[in-house]
């Protein structure tokens, strides 16, 4: 096992490091929708009377919309694809209850591919240890990593990215799909 500094920061950093296998594409339909919503918000700032509500309320909502849709239009619409498979989707974000299960146990289950144990492990919101799993359903691969908050501004991987391919993918698919994500 390598040192912590050698672990990918997150799954997206892993995809970026392996450009020979993965590519980032822009979903132009999403970008266009975000830009249209941004234009609508700008229009509402200029002509708030289009909506029969308080002018101040419409302008405040439109201002918030400009920020949200502007950021989404500029930064959003990007998706990762496996060059030999399909679109990669996030399917699990589980936050383990650190008062009921310790980090070493979680890491041991992860190392041993004990996804049933990870599925049954207690979880709750706002926890430092988290399991992230993305899936390429077409290419039949899971990409898994344990992440940890070291501080408010330091959230990074504490394991290598584990890639699960066929035939293990089919064996683990139902178990992984049953892992309950924590919001």
Protein backbone atom coordinates (compact mmCIF):
# COMPACT_ATOMS: atom_id res chain seq x y z
CA UNK A 1 0.00 0.00 0.00
CA UNK A 2 1.35 3.43 -0.88
CA UNK A 3 1.53 6.47 1.34
CA UNK A 4 -1.43 8.79 1.74
CA UNK A 5 0.13 11.43 -0.49
CA UNK A 6 0.05 8.98 -3.43
CA UNK A 7 -3.69 8.41 -3.27
CA UNK A 8 -5.86 10.23 -5.82
CA UNK A 9 -7.55 13.24 -4.25
CA UNK A 10 -10.92 11.95 -5.47
CA UNK A 11 -12.45 9.87 -8.26
CA UNK A 12 -12.37 12.77 -10.73
CA UNK A 13 -8.65 13.25 -10.13
CA UNK A 14 -8.26 9.55 -10.86
CA UNK A 15 -10.17 9.91 -14.14
CA UNK A 16 -8.03 12.94 -15.06
CA UNK A 17 -4.81 11.02 -14.28
CA UNK A 18 -5.86 8.19 -16.61
CA UNK A 19 -6.72 10.12 -19.77
CA UNK A 20 -5.79 7.05 -21.80
CA UNK A 21 -8.92 5.30 -20.42
CA UNK A 22 -11.25 8.21 -19.58
CA UNK A 23 -12.40 11.40 -21.23
CA UNK A 24 -14.32 14.43 -20.09
CA UNK A 25 -17.12 15.56 -22.39
CA UNK A 26 -19.34 18.60 -22.25
CA UNK A 27 -23.07 18.03 -22.40
CA UNK A 28 -24.05 20.92 -24.66
CA UNK A 29 -27.79 20.43 -24.06
CA UNK A 30 -27.28 21.09 -20.32
CA UNK A 31 -25.07 24.09 -21.04
CA UNK A 32 -27.67 25.59 -23.40
CA UNK A 33 -30.43 25.12 -20.81
CA UNK A 34 -28.28 26.82 -18.15
CA UNK A 35 -27.52 29.73 -20.50
CA UNK A 36 -31.22 30.11 -21.39
CA UNK A 37 -32.16 30.18 -17.70
CA UNK A 38 -29.38 32.70 -17.11
CA UNK A 39 -30.78 34.89 -19.93
CA UNK A 40 -34.26 34.62 -18.41
CA UNK A 41 -32.92 35.81 -15.05
CA UNK A 42 -31.16 38.76 -16.70
CA UNK A 43 -34.43 39.63 -18.45
CA UNK A 44 -36.26 39.50 -15.11
CA UNK A 45 -33.71 41.88 -13.56
CA UNK A 46 -34.29 44.33 -16.42
CA UNK A 47 -38.08 43.87 -16.71
CA UNK A 48 -39.33 42.46 -13.38
CA UNK A 49 -42.95 43.34 -14.22
CA UNK A 50 -43.24 40.25 -16.43
CA UNK A 51 -44.09 38.29 -13.28
CA UNK A 52 -46.99 39.71 -11.25
CA UNK A 53 -45.12 39.76 -7.92
CA UNK A 54 -43.25 42.35 -5.94
CA UNK A 55 -40.53 43.96 -8.10
CA UNK A 56 -38.00 43.59 -5.27
CA UNK A 57 -38.85 39.90 -4.79
CA UNK A 58 -38.55 39.17 -8.53
CA UNK A 59 -35.20 40.98 -8.73
CA UNK A 60 -33.81 39.17 -5.69
CA UNK A 61 -34.88 35.79 -7.10
CA UNK A 62 -33.49 36.71 -10.52
CA UNK A 63 -30.20 37.84 -8.94
CA UNK A 64 -29.87 34.51 -7.15
CA UNK A 65 -30.75 32.77 -10.41
CA UNK A 66 -28.03 34.70 -12.25
CA UNK A 67 -25.44 33.47 -9.77
CA UNK A 68 -26.66 29.85 -9.74
CA UNK A 69 -27.27 29.47 -13.47
CA UNK A 70 -24.18 31.48 -14.36
CA UNK A 71 -21.96 29.15 -12.35
CA UNK A 72 -23.78 26.10 -13.70
CA UNK A 73 -23.42 27.34 -17.29
CA UNK A 74 -19.74 28.10 -16.85
CA UNK A 75 -18.66 25.07 -14.78
CA UNK A 76 -21.47 22.57 -15.36
CA UNK A 77 -22.38 20.17 -18.09
CA UNK A 78 -19.15 18.19 -17.87
CA UNK A 79 -19.31 14.43 -17.60
CA UNK A 80 -16.74 11.65 -17.57
CA UNK A 81 -16.83 8.71 -19.96
CA UNK A 82 -14.89 5.48 -20.12
CA UNK A 83 -13.41 5.36 -23.62
CA UNK A 84 -14.18 1.62 -23.82
CA UNK A 85 -17.50 1.80 -22.01
CA UNK A 86 -20.02 4.50 -21.32
CA UNK A 87 -20.92 7.44 -19.13
CA UNK A 88 -19.67 7.33 -15.55
CA UNK A 89 -22.36 8.10 -12.97
CA UNK A 90 -22.06 8.55 -9.24
CA UNK A 91 -24.25 5.97 -7.52
CA UNK A 92 -23.13 5.86 -3.87
CA UNK A 93 -22.10 8.53 -1.36
CA UNK A 94 -22.22 6.87 2.07
CA UNK A 95 -21.13 8.69 5.24
CA UNK A 96 -20.16 6.20 7.94
CA UNK A 97 -21.21 6.86 11.55
CA UNK A 98 -17.78 7.28 13.14
CA UNK A 99 -19.18 6.91 16.66
CA UNK A 100 -20.33 3.35 15.83
CA UNK A 101 -17.63 2.08 13.43
CA UNK A 102 -13.96 3.02 13.33
CA UNK A 103 -11.84 3.99 10.34
CA UNK A 104 -9.68 0.86 10.51
CA UNK A 105 -12.73 -1.42 10.25
CA UNK A 106 -14.06 0.50 7.25
CA UNK A 107 -10.66 0.37 5.52
CA UNK A 108 -10.36 -3.37 6.23
CA UNK A 109 -13.80 -4.04 4.72
CA UNK A 110 -12.87 -1.94 1.69
CA UNK A 111 -9.55 -3.77 1.21
CA UNK A 112 -11.32 -7.15 1.45
CA UNK A 113 -14.07 -6.16 -1.03
CA UNK A 114 -16.63 -6.65 1.76
CA UNK A 115 -19.28 -4.49 0.13
CA UNK A 116 -21.99 -6.28 2.10
CA UNK A 117 -20.29 -5.16 5.31
CA UNK A 118 -19.91 -1.63 3.95
CA UNK A 119 -23.58 -1.67 3.01
CA UNK A 120 -24.66 -2.74 6.49
CA UNK A 121 -22.28 -0.41 8.34
CA UNK A 122 -24.05 2.37 10.29
CA UNK A 123 -24.30 5.72 8.57
CA UNK A 124 -25.47 9.25 9.30
CA UNK A 125 -25.00 12.78 7.97
CA UNK A 126 -21.94 15.01 8.46
CA UNK A 127 -19.34 12.30 9.00
CA UNK A 128 -15.64 12.44 8.12
CA UNK A 129 -15.27 8.94 6.56
CA UNK A 130 -17.20 8.43 3.31
CA UNK A 131 -17.50 5.80 0.59
CA UNK A 132 -17.74 7.02 -3.00
CA UNK A 133 -18.72 4.67 -5.82
CA UNK A 134 -19.15 5.63 -9.47
CA UNK A 135 -20.35 3.24 -12.15
CA UNK A 136 -19.86 2.71 -15.85
CA UNK A 137 -22.92 0.56 -16.45
CA UNK A 138 -22.18 -0.02 -20.13
CA UNK A 139 -18.55 -1.01 -19.53
CA UNK A 140 -19.54 -2.92 -16.37
CA UNK A 141 -17.10 -1.25 -13.98
CA UNK A 142 -17.32 0.28 -10.51
CA UNK A 143 -14.83 2.91 -9.30
CA UNK A 144 -14.65 2.98 -5.49
CA UNK A 145 -12.73 5.09 -2.99
CA UNK A 146 -12.85 5.90 0.71
CA UNK A 147 -12.61 9.65 1.36
CA UNK A 148 -12.01 11.55 4.60
CA UNK A 149 -12.43 15.09 5.93
CA UNK A 150 -9.21 16.06 7.69
CA UNK A 151 -10.50 19.62 8.16
CA UNK A 152 -13.19 21.89 6.70
CA UNK A 153 -11.03 22.55 3.64
CA UNK A 154 -9.18 19.22 3.36
CA UNK A 155 -11.31 16.37 1.96
CA UNK A 156 -9.38 13.71 0.07
CA UNK A 157 -8.99 10.03 -0.65
CA UNK A 158 -7.45 7.75 1.96
CA UNK A 159 -7.39 4.70 -0.32
CA UNK A 160 -6.47 3.92 -3.87
CA UNK A 161 -9.33 3.91 -6.36
CA UNK A 162 -10.54 0.34 -6.58
CA UNK A 163 -11.77 -0.64 -10.05
CA UNK A 164 -14.14 -3.60 -10.07
CA UNK A 165 -14.64 -5.25 -13.46
CA UNK A 166 -16.36 -8.37 -14.74
CA UNK A 167 -16.93 -11.03 -13.42
CA UNK A 168 -16.83 -9.39 -9.94
CA UNK A 169 -18.98 -6.51 -11.23
CA UNK A 170 -21.96 -8.80 -11.87
CA UNK A 171 -21.50 -10.58 -8.55
CA UNK A 172 -21.37 -7.31 -6.57
CA UNK A 173 -23.83 -5.23 -8.60
CA UNK A 174 -26.91 -5.85 -6.43
CA UNK A 175 -24.95 -5.40 -3.20
CA UNK A 176 -23.41 -2.13 -4.39
CA UNK A 177 -26.78 -0.85 -5.68
CA UNK A 178 -28.28 -1.63 -2.23
CA UNK A 179 -25.76 0.58 -0.40
CA UNK A 180 -27.81 3.44 0.96
CA UNK A 181 -26.40 6.86 0.13
CA UNK A 182 -26.34 9.50 2.84
CA UNK A 183 -27.16 13.08 1.96
